[in-house]
Amino acid sequence: FCSVLLVDDVLCSSRGWQGLIAYGCHSLVLVVDANSAQTLQVLERHKASVVKVKWAKENYHHNIGSPYSLRLASADATGKIIVWDVATGAARCEIQEHSKPIQDMQWLWNQDASRDLLLAVHPPNYIVLWNADTGTKLWKKSYAENILSFSFDPFDPSHLALLTSEGIVFISDFSPSKAPASSGKKVYISSPHSSPSHNKLAAATGAKKALDKVKILISNEKPSAESVTLNDCLQLSYLPSKRNYMLLLYPREILILDLEVNQTVGVIAIERTGVPFIQVIPCFQRDGLFCLHENGCITLRVRRSNCSISATPNEEPDPEPVQELVYDLRSQCDAIRVTKTVRPFSMVCCPVNENAAALIVSDGRVMIWELKSSISGRNVRNSSSSASPLYSPVSFCGIPVGALQNKLPDLSLDSMIAGQGAGSGEELRNSFLQEVHLKFLLTGLLSGLPLPPFAIRMCPPLTTKNIKQYEPILAVGEIYMKKKNTSVQTCSNSDILADMLHVFPSDHRGIEWISLTGFISFATSTPNNLGLVRNELQLVDLPTG
């Protein structure tokens, strides 16, 4: 019952290739099965709040001598990193360098040399490469600025970008065998809010004018003292779907950078009445972005095909045109009710199929949203939609998509959306194109316990008389002070929620078992103006509810 979360506690999450979700809760690490929405493992060894969790990648050849494994790295606020064998719940390795919280860590994705290499950011300005199997420090490198996070180039393992408090440091000589020799190329980027012209983006007309206003954000010169630096930048990440592209996440906008021309080529801005961003996960199968907002809403934005910057009638054409990246909102899930004690913490996306996302909430809930597609029988060429249509696959597994087919196999984002920019291909021109509509469906929900106080009782003990029908069950009475609705949860020994019984409309006070199949539950209502209360006593039969 460690899924009770505090609002001020640090939470982190990660989703592995095996379909498992891991997240930190206080000093514990919970592992949840995304398919059944059940807690599978609880890892207990940290003495402080867990701040980072990362699943080890399995993108290498496996055989009997090198089998699949469930390895997870977790870091806490004291700087300790523990590498877990999740299947057994044992700690394989413990790493300690400093006593400050780990800022960021990642497993090396290029695992030809070694599959046990873990790169971590130790405050304030150190990056350390560890052998996560033995706990050996391979090398350590310091930099001038405080390092906030980092991102590997998915197309080149020797390229690494560091997000610092003043700018971005690009490293082009990263190697597992030795520390980078140079200090990297430093690029200063001011916050979008620091540019006076950026405030006029909403009134600007034309994509080229808008992009001209944000091109000044990228420079090799240190910004002035009046400008705001990258302290309010929430995230930095390479785009795994496009080479030499990077995104910067701010609370109210996402900047897309073209590293070849060193300028901003796309801006995803939120309106003044919109909900700010918290996190963004770029996709690799298609050029799309999963975005998490402060109200718990997850949105999917997909790049519009064949975008380019065109000059207005009063402007001269640009001799070196730059491709503009426009991301259209394609789907969004329902928001949650955000209060002082309930707010979204983190989001993870399925790294294999990229068609499902899980939301971690501060009250212990894990909400699993799956992306579903539907198609219409009309021809896309006649579509009058302002956004470019998403095309359904012309064929899937060798079976052509019929004109009257209303459902597509939602195996992955790749099978749900045809190749972007493929609308000009010969195959799609000679076929019947169908537009794809995407929507989120809630397919899994793991409910945590409410805030204390609550009543908890274990069923009667095992004896020689009840050994055949005995099942260890724990009854937990929840108290919802605002809703004035009391329920009882019964959990079996496999940590699976067996049933939830809504018993009383008033505050729950206690539970007493009378047999293996029944218990007495009592509650007291809130006092009225005369100070009188309503006492309720009910006998509950578990088999019938």
Protein backbone atom coordinates (compact mmCIF):
# COMPACT_ATOMS: atom_id res chain seq x y z
CA PHE A 1 0.00 0.00 0.00
CA CYS A 2 2.78 2.34 -0.94
CA SER A 3 0.75 3.99 -3.69
CA VAL A 4 -0.32 6.74 -1.30
CA LEU A 5 1.55 9.79 -2.58
CA LEU A 6 2.31 13.11 -0.98
CA VAL A 7 1.91 16.26 -3.02
CA ASP A 8 5.36 17.54 -2.19
CA ASP A 9 7.08 14.24 -2.89
CA VAL A 10 9.23 13.82 -5.99
CA LEU A 11 7.85 11.43 -8.58
CA CYS A 12 9.48 9.99 -11.68
CA SER A 13 8.43 7.33 -14.12
CA SER A 14 9.72 5.18 -16.96
CA ARG A 15 8.18 2.60 -19.28
CA GLY A 16 10.20 -0.37 -20.50
CA TRP A 17 10.22 -2.49 -23.61
CA GLN A 18 8.45 -5.30 -21.72
CA GLY A 19 5.27 -3.28 -21.19
CA LEU A 20 6.06 -2.49 -17.54
CA ILE A 21 5.79 0.94 -15.91
CA ALA A 22 8.13 1.92 -13.07
CA TYR A 23 7.72 5.04 -10.95
CA GLY A 24 9.09 6.40 -7.71
CA CYS A 25 6.93 6.96 -4.66
CA HIS A 26 8.73 8.39 -1.63
CA SER A 27 11.64 5.98 -1.12
CA LEU A 28 9.99 3.12 -2.99
CA VAL A 29 9.96 2.05 -6.62
CA LEU A 30 6.72 0.56 -7.93
CA VAL A 31 6.50 -1.63 -11.03
CA VAL A 32 3.09 -1.79 -12.73
CA ASP A 33 1.88 -4.02 -15.55
CA ALA A 34 0.39 -1.75 -18.22
CA ASN A 35 -1.85 -4.51 -19.62
CA SER A 36 -3.60 -5.45 -16.38
CA ALA A 37 -3.02 -2.14 -14.50
CA GLN A 38 -1.80 -4.06 -11.45
CA THR A 39 1.23 -3.58 -9.21
CA LEU A 40 3.72 -6.39 -9.79
CA GLN A 41 6.71 -5.41 -7.66
CA VAL A 42 7.71 -2.96 -4.94
CA LEU A 43 11.44 -2.26 -4.58
CA GLU A 44 12.59 -1.13 -1.13
CA ARG A 45 16.16 -0.06 -0.50
CA HIS A 46 16.36 3.71 -0.92
CA LYS A 47 16.48 5.86 2.21
CA ALA A 48 15.39 9.07 0.46
CA SER A 49 12.85 10.12 -2.16
CA VAL A 50 13.35 8.54 -5.57
CA VAL A 51 13.90 11.21 -8.24
CA LYS A 52 14.79 9.21 -11.38
CA VAL A 53 13.98 5.75 -12.76
CA LYS A 54 15.18 4.32 -16.09
CA TRP A 55 14.60 0.91 -17.66
CA ALA A 56 17.59 -0.75 -19.29
CA LYS A 57 17.21 -1.21 -23.04
CA GLU A 58 17.02 -4.65 -24.63
CA ASN A 59 17.95 -3.71 -28.22
CA TYR A 60 20.63 -6.36 -28.64
CA HIS A 61 20.81 -10.04 -29.60
CA HIS A 62 19.57 -12.43 -26.92
CA ASN A 63 20.34 -16.11 -26.52
CA ILE A 64 20.69 -18.65 -23.73
CA GLY A 65 23.91 -17.06 -22.54
CA SER A 66 22.47 -13.55 -22.79
CA PRO A 67 18.77 -13.81 -21.88
CA TYR A 68 16.20 -11.07 -21.51
CA SER A 69 16.30 -9.39 -18.13
CA LEU A 70 14.35 -6.81 -16.17
CA ARG A 71 16.97 -4.25 -15.15
CA LEU A 72 15.98 -0.93 -13.71
CA ALA A 73 18.10 1.96 -12.45
CA SER A 74 16.70 4.28 -9.79
CA ALA A 75 18.29 7.36 -8.20
CA ASP A 76 17.28 9.17 -5.03
CA ALA A 77 17.69 12.61 -3.49
CA THR A 78 20.93 11.66 -1.73
CA GLY A 79 22.70 10.81 -4.99
CA LYS A 80 22.52 7.03 -4.62
CA ILE A 81 21.83 4.97 -7.77
CA ILE A 82 20.57 1.40 -7.41
CA VAL A 83 20.39 -1.06 -10.29
CA TRP A 84 17.64 -3.61 -9.70
CA ASP A 85 16.84 -7.10 -10.89
CA VAL A 86 13.10 -6.46 -10.99
CA ALA A 87 12.14 -10.12 -11.36
CA THR A 88 13.71 -11.05 -8.01
CA GLY A 89 13.46 -7.63 -6.37
CA ALA A 90 17.16 -7.70 -5.50
CA ALA A 91 19.65 -4.86 -5.88
CA ARG A 92 22.39 -5.82 -8.34
CA CYS A 93 24.55 -2.76 -7.79
CA GLU A 94 24.68 0.44 -5.68
CA ILE A 95 26.45 3.60 -6.86
CA GLN A 96 27.25 6.71 -4.83
CA GLU A 97 29.28 9.69 -6.03
CA HIS A 98 27.90 12.78 -4.23
CA SER A 99 25.18 13.49 -1.71
CA LYS A 100 23.02 15.67 -4.00
CA PRO A 101 20.02 14.53 -6.07
CA ILE A 102 20.75 13.04 -9.48
CA GLN A 103 19.66 15.50 -12.17
CA ASP A 104 19.37 13.04 -15.03
CA MET A 105 20.54 9.60 -16.13
CA GLN A 106 20.24 7.40 -19.21
CA TRP A 107 21.38 4.01 -20.38
CA LEU A 108 23.59 4.13 -23.46
CA TRP A 109 21.39 3.15 -26.37
CA ASN A 110 24.30 2.03 -28.55
CA GLN A 111 25.13 -1.20 -26.74
CA ASP A 112 27.54 -2.83 -29.15
CA ALA A 113 30.46 -2.33 -26.77
CA SER A 114 28.66 -2.92 -23.48
CA ARG A 115 25.07 -3.27 -22.30
CA ASP A 116 25.71 -2.08 -18.76
CA LEU A 117 26.77 1.55 -19.28
CA LEU A 118 24.80 4.24 -17.46
CA LEU A 119 25.46 7.97 -17.85
CA ALA A 120 24.40 10.18 -14.92
CA VAL A 121 24.46 13.90 -14.14
CA HIS A 122 25.83 14.54 -10.64
CA PRO A 123 25.27 18.09 -9.38
CA PRO A 124 26.31 20.63 -9.99
CA ASN A 125 28.28 20.15 -13.24
CA TYR A 126 29.57 16.56 -13.55
CA ILE A 127 28.65 13.80 -15.96
CA VAL A 128 29.85 10.34 -14.93
CA LEU A 129 29.78 7.12 -16.94
CA TRP A 130 29.21 4.05 -14.78
CA ASN A 131 29.37 0.34 -15.36
CA ALA A 132 26.00 -0.47 -13.86
CA ASP A 133 26.86 -4.15 -13.46
CA THR A 134 29.93 -3.70 -11.26
CA GLY A 135 29.47 -0.12 -10.00
CA THR A 136 32.80 0.95 -11.52
CA LYS A 137 33.29 4.56 -12.53
CA LEU A 138 34.65 4.59 -16.08
CA TRP A 139 35.24 8.34 -16.42
CA LYS A 140 34.13 11.71 -15.07
CA LYS A 141 33.88 15.08 -16.82
CA SER A 142 33.11 18.53 -15.40
CA TYR A 143 31.74 21.61 -17.17
CA ALA A 144 31.55 25.31 -16.42
CA GLU A 145 27.75 25.60 -16.01
CA ASN A 146 25.27 23.70 -13.91
CA ILE A 147 23.88 20.78 -15.91
CA LEU A 148 20.11 20.34 -15.77
CA SER A 149 19.60 17.42 -18.16
CA PHE A 150 20.98 15.89 -21.34
CA SER A 151 19.87 14.11 -24.50
CA PHE A 152 21.63 11.69 -26.86
CA ASP A 153 21.39 12.09 -30.62
CA PRO A 154 19.39 9.01 -31.74
CA PHE A 155 21.20 9.04 -35.11
CA ASP A 156 24.77 9.41 -33.80
CA PRO A 157 25.88 7.95 -30.43
CA SER A 158 28.89 10.29 -30.32
CA HIS A 159 26.67 13.40 -30.15
CA LEU A 160 25.33 14.57 -26.81
CA ALA A 161 23.51 17.77 -25.85
CA LEU A 162 23.65 19.19 -22.32
CA LEU A 163 20.98 21.56 -21.08
CA THR A 164 22.61 24.03 -18.70
CA SER A 165 21.36 27.04 -16.79
CA GLU A 166 22.68 29.41 -19.46
CA GLY A 167 22.45 27.52 -22.74
CA ILE A 168 23.08 24.26 -24.55
CA VAL A 169 26.43 22.50 -24.81
CA PHE A 170 26.83 20.23 -27.84
CA ILE A 171 29.36 17.40 -27.44
CA SER A 172 30.50 15.69 -30.63
CA ASP A 173 33.21 13.37 -29.27
CA PHE A 174 31.29 11.28 -26.71
CA SER A 175 32.78 7.82 -26.29
CA PRO A 176 32.33 5.07 -23.70
CA SER A 177 36.07 4.44 -23.62
CA LYS A 178 37.19 7.93 -22.54
CA ALA A 179 35.83 11.27 -21.35
CA PRO A 180 35.16 13.97 -23.97
CA ALA A 181 38.37 15.85 -24.69
CA SER A 182 36.78 19.19 -25.50
CA SER A 183 34.33 21.29 -23.52
CA GLY A 184 31.85 21.17 -26.39
CA LYS A 185 30.20 23.87 -28.47
CA LYS A 186 28.21 26.29 -26.36
CA VAL A 187 25.03 27.86 -27.76
CA TYR A 188 23.07 30.48 -25.86
CA ILE A 189 19.30 30.48 -26.14
CA SER A 190 17.11 33.00 -24.38
CA SER A 191 13.64 32.21 -23.18
CA PRO A 192 10.85 32.99 -25.65
CA HIS A 193 9.35 35.33 -23.04
CA SER A 194 12.49 37.45 -22.98
CA SER A 195 12.04 38.63 -26.57
CA PRO A 196 9.70 41.64 -26.85
CA SER A 197 8.85 40.64 -30.39
CA HIS A 198 7.79 37.19 -29.23
CA ASN A 199 4.85 38.74 -27.37
CA LYS A 200 3.51 39.90 -30.72
CA LEU A 201 3.46 36.41 -32.19
CA ALA A 202 -0.29 36.15 -31.88
CA ALA A 203 -0.79 39.32 -33.95
CA ALA A 204 1.74 38.36 -36.62
CA THR A 205 0.49 37.12 -39.97
CA GLY A 206 2.30 34.56 -42.06
CA ALA A 207 4.53 31.70 -40.98
CA LYS A 208 7.69 33.46 -42.14
CA LYS A 209 7.05 36.52 -39.97
CA ALA A 210 6.45 34.33 -36.94
CA LEU A 211 9.64 32.37 -37.48
CA ASP A 212 11.69 35.53 -38.05
CA LYS A 213 10.71 36.65 -34.58
CA VAL A 214 12.08 33.53 -32.91
CA LYS A 215 15.22 33.09 -35.00
CA ILE A 216 16.94 35.59 -32.71
CA LEU A 217 16.66 33.09 -29.87
CA ILE A 218 19.60 31.04 -31.16
CA SER A 219 23.04 32.65 -31.14
CA ASN A 220 26.64 32.01 -30.18
CA GLU A 221 26.75 35.16 -28.05
CA LYS A 222 25.80 35.30 -24.42
CA PRO A 223 22.41 36.97 -23.95
CA SER A 224 22.08 40.29 -22.17
CA ALA A 225 21.48 40.55 -18.46
CA GLU A 226 17.89 41.68 -19.03
CA SER A 227 16.91 38.49 -20.85
CA VAL A 228 15.71 35.37 -19.14
CA THR A 229 17.91 32.30 -19.62
CA LEU A 230 17.01 28.64 -19.90
CA ASN A 231 16.02 28.30 -16.26
CA ASP A 232 12.36 28.03 -17.28
CA CYS A 233 13.09 25.48 -19.99
CA LEU A 234 11.44 22.26 -18.84
CA GLN A 235 12.95 19.76 -21.26
CA LEU A 236 15.46 19.29 -24.08
CA SER A 237 15.28 16.37 -26.48
CA TYR A 238 16.45 15.34 -29.94
CA LEU A 239 13.70 14.36 -32.37
CA PRO A 240 14.06 10.62 -33.05
CA SER A 241 12.02 10.94 -36.26
CA LYS A 242 14.13 13.66 -37.94
CA ARG A 243 17.89 13.92 -38.14
CA ASN A 244 19.54 17.08 -36.71
CA TYR A 245 16.35 18.38 -35.11
CA MET A 246 15.79 19.21 -31.45
CA LEU A 247 12.93 20.46 -29.31
CA LEU A 248 12.90 22.78 -26.31
CA LEU A 249 9.90 22.62 -24.00
CA TYR A 250 8.70 25.74 -22.21
CA PRO A 251 5.54 26.05 -20.11
CA ARG A 252 3.64 27.76 -22.93
CA GLU A 253 5.49 26.79 -26.11
CA ILE A 254 7.59 24.14 -27.79
CA LEU A 255 10.46 25.26 -30.00
CA ILE A 256 11.71 23.03 -32.83
CA LEU A 257 15.36 23.73 -33.72
CA ASP A 258 17.14 22.85 -36.95
CA LEU A 259 20.74 22.24 -35.87
CA GLU A 260 22.08 22.37 -39.43
CA VAL A 261 20.99 25.99 -39.99
CA ASN A 262 20.98 26.94 -36.28
CA GLN A 263 17.55 28.49 -36.19
CA THR A 264 14.03 27.81 -35.01
CA VAL A 265 11.88 26.20 -37.68
CA GLY A 266 8.74 25.51 -35.67
CA VAL A 267 6.80 26.90 -32.73
CA ILE A 268 3.93 25.15 -30.94
CA ALA A 269 2.40 27.91 -28.85
CA ILE A 270 -0.48 27.72 -26.39
CA GLU A 271 -3.14 30.40 -26.40
CA ARG A 272 -3.50 32.68 -23.40
CA THR A 273 -6.45 30.67 -22.12
CA GLY A 274 -4.71 27.35 -22.81
CA VAL A 275 -3.23 24.97 -20.24
CA PRO A 276 0.61 25.02 -19.95
CA PHE A 277 2.83 22.09 -20.82
CA ILE A 278 4.54 19.83 -18.28
CA GLN A 279 6.25 17.20 -20.44
CA VAL A 280 6.62 16.14 -24.06
CA ILE A 281 7.64 12.76 -25.53
CA PRO A 282 8.69 12.77 -29.22
CA CYS A 283 7.87 9.69 -31.32
CA PHE A 284 10.27 7.84 -33.60
CA GLN A 285 7.82 5.91 -35.83
CA ARG A 286 6.08 9.10 -36.97
CA ASP A 287 6.91 12.76 -36.44
CA GLY A 288 4.50 13.22 -33.55
CA LEU A 289 4.58 14.57 -29.99
CA PHE A 290 2.80 13.28 -26.90
CA CYS A 291 2.27 16.35 -24.68
CA LEU A 292 1.22 16.40 -21.03
CA HIS A 293 -0.55 19.51 -19.70
CA GLU A 294 -1.01 20.80 -16.17
CA ASN A 295 -4.65 19.67 -16.07
CA GLY A 296 -3.65 16.05 -16.74
CA CYS A 297 -4.72 16.14 -20.39
CA ILE A 298 -2.54 14.20 -22.85
CA THR A 299 -2.52 15.54 -26.41
CA LEU A 300 -1.06 14.07 -29.59
CA ARG A 301 0.32 16.46 -32.18
CA VAL A 302 1.44 15.18 -35.59
CA ARG A 303 3.57 17.12 -38.06
CA ARG A 304 1.75 18.44 -41.08
CA SER A 305 3.07 16.99 -44.32
CA ASN A 306 4.99 19.05 -46.89
CA CYS A 307 5.22 22.29 -44.91
CA SER A 308 7.31 25.16 -46.18
CA ILE A 309 7.73 28.84 -45.41
CA SER A 310 6.21 30.99 -48.11
CA ALA A 311 6.64 34.74 -48.51
CA THR A 312 3.68 37.09 -48.37
CA PRO A 313 2.70 39.10 -51.48
CA ASN A 314 4.59 42.17 -50.20
CA GLU A 315 7.79 40.27 -49.43
CA GLU A 316 10.58 39.06 -51.65
CA PRO A 317 11.07 35.28 -51.80
CA ASP A 318 13.78 33.90 -49.57
CA PRO A 319 16.74 32.65 -51.64
CA GLU A 320 17.38 29.94 -49.01
CA PRO A 321 13.94 28.79 -47.87
CA VAL A 322 13.69 26.88 -44.59
CA GLN A 323 11.12 24.16 -44.07
CA GLU A 324 8.56 25.15 -41.49
CA LEU A 325 7.35 22.43 -39.11
CA VAL A 326 3.69 22.67 -38.15
CA TYR A 327 2.23 20.19 -35.68
CA ASP A 328 -1.54 19.75 -35.76
CA LEU A 329 -3.53 18.64 -32.73
CA ARG A 330 -4.92 15.20 -33.61
CA SER A 331 -6.28 13.83 -30.36
CA GLN A 332 -6.58 14.58 -26.66
CA CYS A 333 -7.79 12.69 -23.63
CA ASP A 334 -10.00 13.89 -20.82
CA ALA A 335 -8.48 16.11 -18.16
CA ILE A 336 -8.50 15.26 -14.46
CA ARG A 337 -9.82 17.37 -11.63
CA VAL A 338 -6.78 19.24 -10.33
CA THR A 339 -6.81 20.33 -6.68
CA LYS A 340 -4.20 21.27 -4.10
CA THR A 341 -3.57 17.59 -3.39
CA VAL A 342 -4.28 16.08 -6.82
CA ARG A 343 -2.18 17.01 -9.83
CA PRO A 344 -0.44 15.18 -12.69
CA PHE A 345 3.18 14.23 -12.09
CA SER A 346 4.53 12.44 -15.12
CA MET A 347 3.71 10.68 -18.38
CA VAL A 348 5.30 7.67 -20.08
CA CYS A 349 4.74 6.33 -23.58
CA CYS A 350 4.99 2.77 -24.88
CA PRO A 351 8.50 2.66 -26.43
CA VAL A 352 7.61 -0.20 -28.80
CA ASN A 353 4.23 0.63 -30.30
CA GLU A 354 3.93 4.33 -29.38
CA ASN A 355 0.15 4.02 -29.30
CA ALA A 356 -0.39 4.13 -25.52
CA ALA A 357 0.52 6.53 -22.73
CA ALA A 358 0.27 6.26 -18.95
CA LEU A 359 -0.41 9.20 -16.64
CA ILE A 360 0.90 9.17 -13.05
CA VAL A 361 -1.23 11.26 -10.66
CA SER A 362 -0.30 12.51 -7.19
CA ASP A 363 -3.14 10.61 -5.50
CA GLY A 364 -1.61 7.28 -6.56
CA ARG A 365 -3.65 6.72 -9.71
CA VAL A 366 -2.06 5.34 -12.87
CA MET A 367 -4.27 6.05 -15.88
CA ILE A 368 -3.48 4.13 -19.08
CA TRP A 369 -4.70 5.73 -22.31
CA GLU A 370 -4.58 3.87 -25.62
CA LEU A 371 -4.70 5.53 -29.01
CA LYS A 372 -7.38 4.14 -31.31
CA SER A 373 -7.96 4.90 -34.98
CA SER A 374 -11.07 4.96 -37.13
CA ILE A 375 -11.44 5.70 -40.81
CA SER A 376 -14.16 7.14 -43.00
CA GLY A 377 -15.10 5.90 -46.45
CA ARG A 378 -14.82 9.28 -48.14
CA ASN A 379 -11.93 10.22 -50.41
CA VAL A 380 -9.30 12.39 -48.75
CA ARG A 381 -8.85 14.46 -51.89
CA ASN A 382 -12.30 15.96 -51.30
CA SER A 383 -11.60 16.77 -47.68
CA SER A 384 -11.99 20.42 -46.72
CA SER A 385 -10.25 20.16 -43.35
CA SER A 386 -7.74 22.91 -42.60
CA ALA A 387 -5.21 20.44 -41.22
CA SER A 388 -3.56 17.99 -43.57
CA PRO A 389 -5.27 14.58 -43.33
CA LEU A 390 -3.67 11.55 -41.78
CA TYR A 391 -3.69 8.67 -44.24
CA SER A 392 -4.58 5.09 -43.44
CA PRO A 393 -2.15 2.40 -44.65
CA VAL A 394 -2.70 1.28 -48.22
CA SER A 395 -2.08 -2.29 -47.14
CA PHE A 396 -1.35 -4.04 -43.86
CA CYS A 397 0.35 -7.44 -43.69
CA GLY A 398 -0.32 -7.89 -47.41
CA ILE A 399 -4.09 -7.42 -47.01
CA PRO A 400 -5.44 -4.33 -48.85
CA VAL A 401 -7.56 -1.91 -46.85
CA GLY A 402 -11.03 -2.10 -48.35
CA ALA A 403 -13.20 0.90 -49.13
CA LEU A 404 -15.85 -0.21 -46.63
CA GLN A 405 -13.46 -1.17 -43.81
CA ASN A 406 -14.16 0.88 -40.69
CA LYS A 407 -11.44 -0.40 -38.40
CA LEU A 408 -7.66 -0.57 -38.69
CA PRO A 409 -5.30 -2.81 -36.74
CA ASP A 410 -4.03 -0.50 -33.97
CA LEU A 411 -0.83 -2.45 -33.42
CA SER A 412 1.45 0.58 -33.45
CA LEU A 413 1.58 4.22 -34.44
CA ASP A 414 3.35 3.11 -37.61
CA SER A 415 0.39 0.96 -38.68
CA MET A 416 -2.21 3.55 -37.67
CA ILE A 417 -0.75 6.42 -39.73
CA ALA A 418 0.71 6.05 -43.19
CA GLY A 419 4.09 7.61 -43.94
CA GLN A 420 4.09 11.39 -43.59
CA GLY A 421 4.65 13.10 -46.86
CA ALA A 422 3.70 9.91 -48.70
CA GLY A 423 0.64 11.54 -50.21
CA SER A 424 2.66 12.50 -53.29
CA GLY A 425 3.89 8.93 -53.86
CA GLU A 426 2.80 6.93 -56.87
CA GLU A 427 1.25 4.22 -54.70
CA LEU A 428 -1.01 6.60 -52.81
CA ARG A 429 -1.98 8.57 -55.89
CA ASN A 430 -3.34 5.46 -57.57
CA SER A 431 -5.22 4.20 -54.53
CA PHE A 432 -8.34 5.09 -52.58
CA LEU A 433 -7.08 7.23 -49.70
CA GLN A 434 -8.89 7.26 -46.41
CA GLU A 435 -8.54 9.73 -43.59
CA VAL A 436 -7.62 8.48 -40.12
CA HIS A 437 -9.23 9.89 -36.98
CA LEU A 438 -7.43 9.26 -33.69
CA LYS A 439 -8.88 9.21 -30.20
CA PHE A 440 -7.73 8.26 -26.71
CA LEU A 441 -9.54 5.55 -24.75
CA LEU A 442 -9.00 4.84 -21.05
CA THR A 443 -8.13 1.13 -20.98
CA GLY A 444 -6.53 0.79 -17.54
CA LEU A 445 -6.78 2.43 -14.13
CA LEU A 446 -4.75 1.65 -11.02
CA SER A 447 -6.32 3.35 -8.03
CA GLY A 448 -4.23 4.33 -5.04
CA LEU A 449 -5.34 4.66 -1.47
CA PRO A 450 -6.77 7.96 -0.25
CA LEU A 451 -5.09 10.24 2.22
CA PRO A 452 -5.19 9.04 5.84
CA PRO A 453 -7.06 8.29 8.01
CA PHE A 454 -8.52 4.97 6.88
CA ALA A 455 -9.47 1.70 8.58
CA ILE A 456 -7.57 -1.48 7.76
CA ARG A 457 -8.19 -5.06 8.92
CA MET A 458 -6.81 -8.46 7.92
CA CYS A 459 -9.16 -11.42 7.59
CA PRO A 460 -9.15 -14.23 10.21
CA PRO A 461 -5.96 -16.33 10.32
CA LEU A 462 -5.29 -19.63 8.60
CA THR A 463 -6.24 -22.73 10.61
CA THR A 464 -6.45 -26.45 9.98
CA LYS A 465 -10.23 -26.17 9.57
CA ASN A 466 -10.25 -23.46 6.87
CA ILE A 467 -7.09 -24.44 4.98
CA LYS A 468 -9.05 -25.57 1.90
CA GLN A 469 -11.09 -22.39 1.42
CA TYR A 470 -8.69 -19.87 3.00
CA GLU A 471 -7.63 -16.83 1.00
CA PRO A 472 -5.70 -14.02 2.71
CA ILE A 473 -7.73 -10.84 2.18
CA LEU A 474 -7.11 -7.34 3.50
CA ALA A 475 -10.03 -4.91 3.91
CA VAL A 476 -9.31 -1.21 3.70
CA GLY A 477 -11.98 1.38 4.52
CA GLU A 478 -11.52 4.67 2.71
CA ILE A 479 -12.67 8.06 3.96
CA TYR A 480 -13.58 10.73 1.44
CA MET A 481 -14.08 13.84 3.51
CA LYS A 482 -15.28 15.97 0.56
CA LYS A 483 -17.52 13.50 -1.24
CA LYS A 484 -18.96 12.06 1.98
CA ASN A 485 -18.94 8.65 0.35
CA THR A 486 -17.26 5.71 2.02
CA SER A 487 -16.09 2.56 0.26
CA VAL A 488 -14.29 -0.61 1.27
CA GLN A 489 -11.52 -2.19 -0.77
CA THR A 490 -10.60 -5.85 -0.42
CA CYS A 491 -7.16 -6.94 -1.59
CA SER A 492 -5.87 -10.49 -1.92
CA ASN A 493 -2.37 -11.76 -1.23
CA SER A 494 -1.28 -11.13 -4.83
CA ASP A 495 -1.78 -7.39 -4.33
CA ILE A 496 -4.76 -7.40 -6.72
CA LEU A 497 -7.84 -5.33 -5.92
CA ALA A 498 -10.51 -7.99 -5.52
CA ASP A 499 -13.55 -5.76 -5.04
CA MET A 500 -14.66 -2.26 -4.09
CA LEU A 501 -17.86 -2.05 -2.05
CA HIS A 502 -19.64 1.26 -1.54
CA VAL A 503 -21.15 0.77 1.90
CA PHE A 504 -21.81 4.10 3.62
CA PRO A 505 -22.54 7.68 2.55
CA SER A 506 -20.79 8.90 5.70
CA ASP A 507 -17.31 8.77 7.23
CA HIS A 508 -15.93 5.28 7.77
CA ARG A 509 -14.83 4.40 11.29
CA GLY A 510 -13.87 0.74 11.40
CA ILE A 511 -14.00 -2.81 10.09
CA GLU A 512 -14.28 -6.09 12.00
CA TRP A 513 -14.21 -9.51 10.30
CA ILE A 514 -16.75 -12.09 11.51
CA SER A 515 -15.74 -14.85 9.05
CA LEU A 516 -13.68 -15.43 5.94
CA THR A 517 -16.59 -14.26 3.79
CA GLY A 518 -18.05 -11.37 5.75
CA PHE A 519 -17.28 -8.40 7.95
CA ILE A 520 -19.04 -5.71 9.95
CA SER A 521 -18.42 -2.13 8.91
CA PHE A 522 -19.49 0.89 10.94
CA ALA A 523 -19.52 4.61 10.18
CA THR A 524 -20.54 7.95 11.68
CA SER A 525 -21.98 10.91 9.82
CA THR A 526 -20.93 14.53 10.22
CA PRO A 527 -22.57 16.25 13.23
CA ASN A 528 -25.56 18.46 12.44
CA ASN A 529 -26.39 21.84 13.92
CA LEU A 530 -27.52 20.20 17.17
CA GLY A 531 -24.37 18.13 17.43
CA LEU A 532 -26.19 14.88 16.68
CA VAL A 533 -24.73 12.21 14.39
CA ARG A 534 -26.06 9.21 12.51
CA ASN A 535 -24.39 5.92 13.43
CA GLU A 536 -24.57 3.14 10.85
CA LEU A 537 -23.69 -0.55 11.18
CA GLN A 538 -23.76 -2.96 8.25
CA LEU A 539 -22.96 -6.62 7.74
CA VAL A 540 -21.33 -7.22 4.35
CA ASP A 541 -21.24 -10.59 2.57
CA LEU A 542 -18.23 -10.73 0.23
CA PRO A 543 -19.39 -13.41 -2.25
CA THR A 544 -22.52 -11.42 -3.11
CA GLY A 545 -21.36 -7.91 -2.25
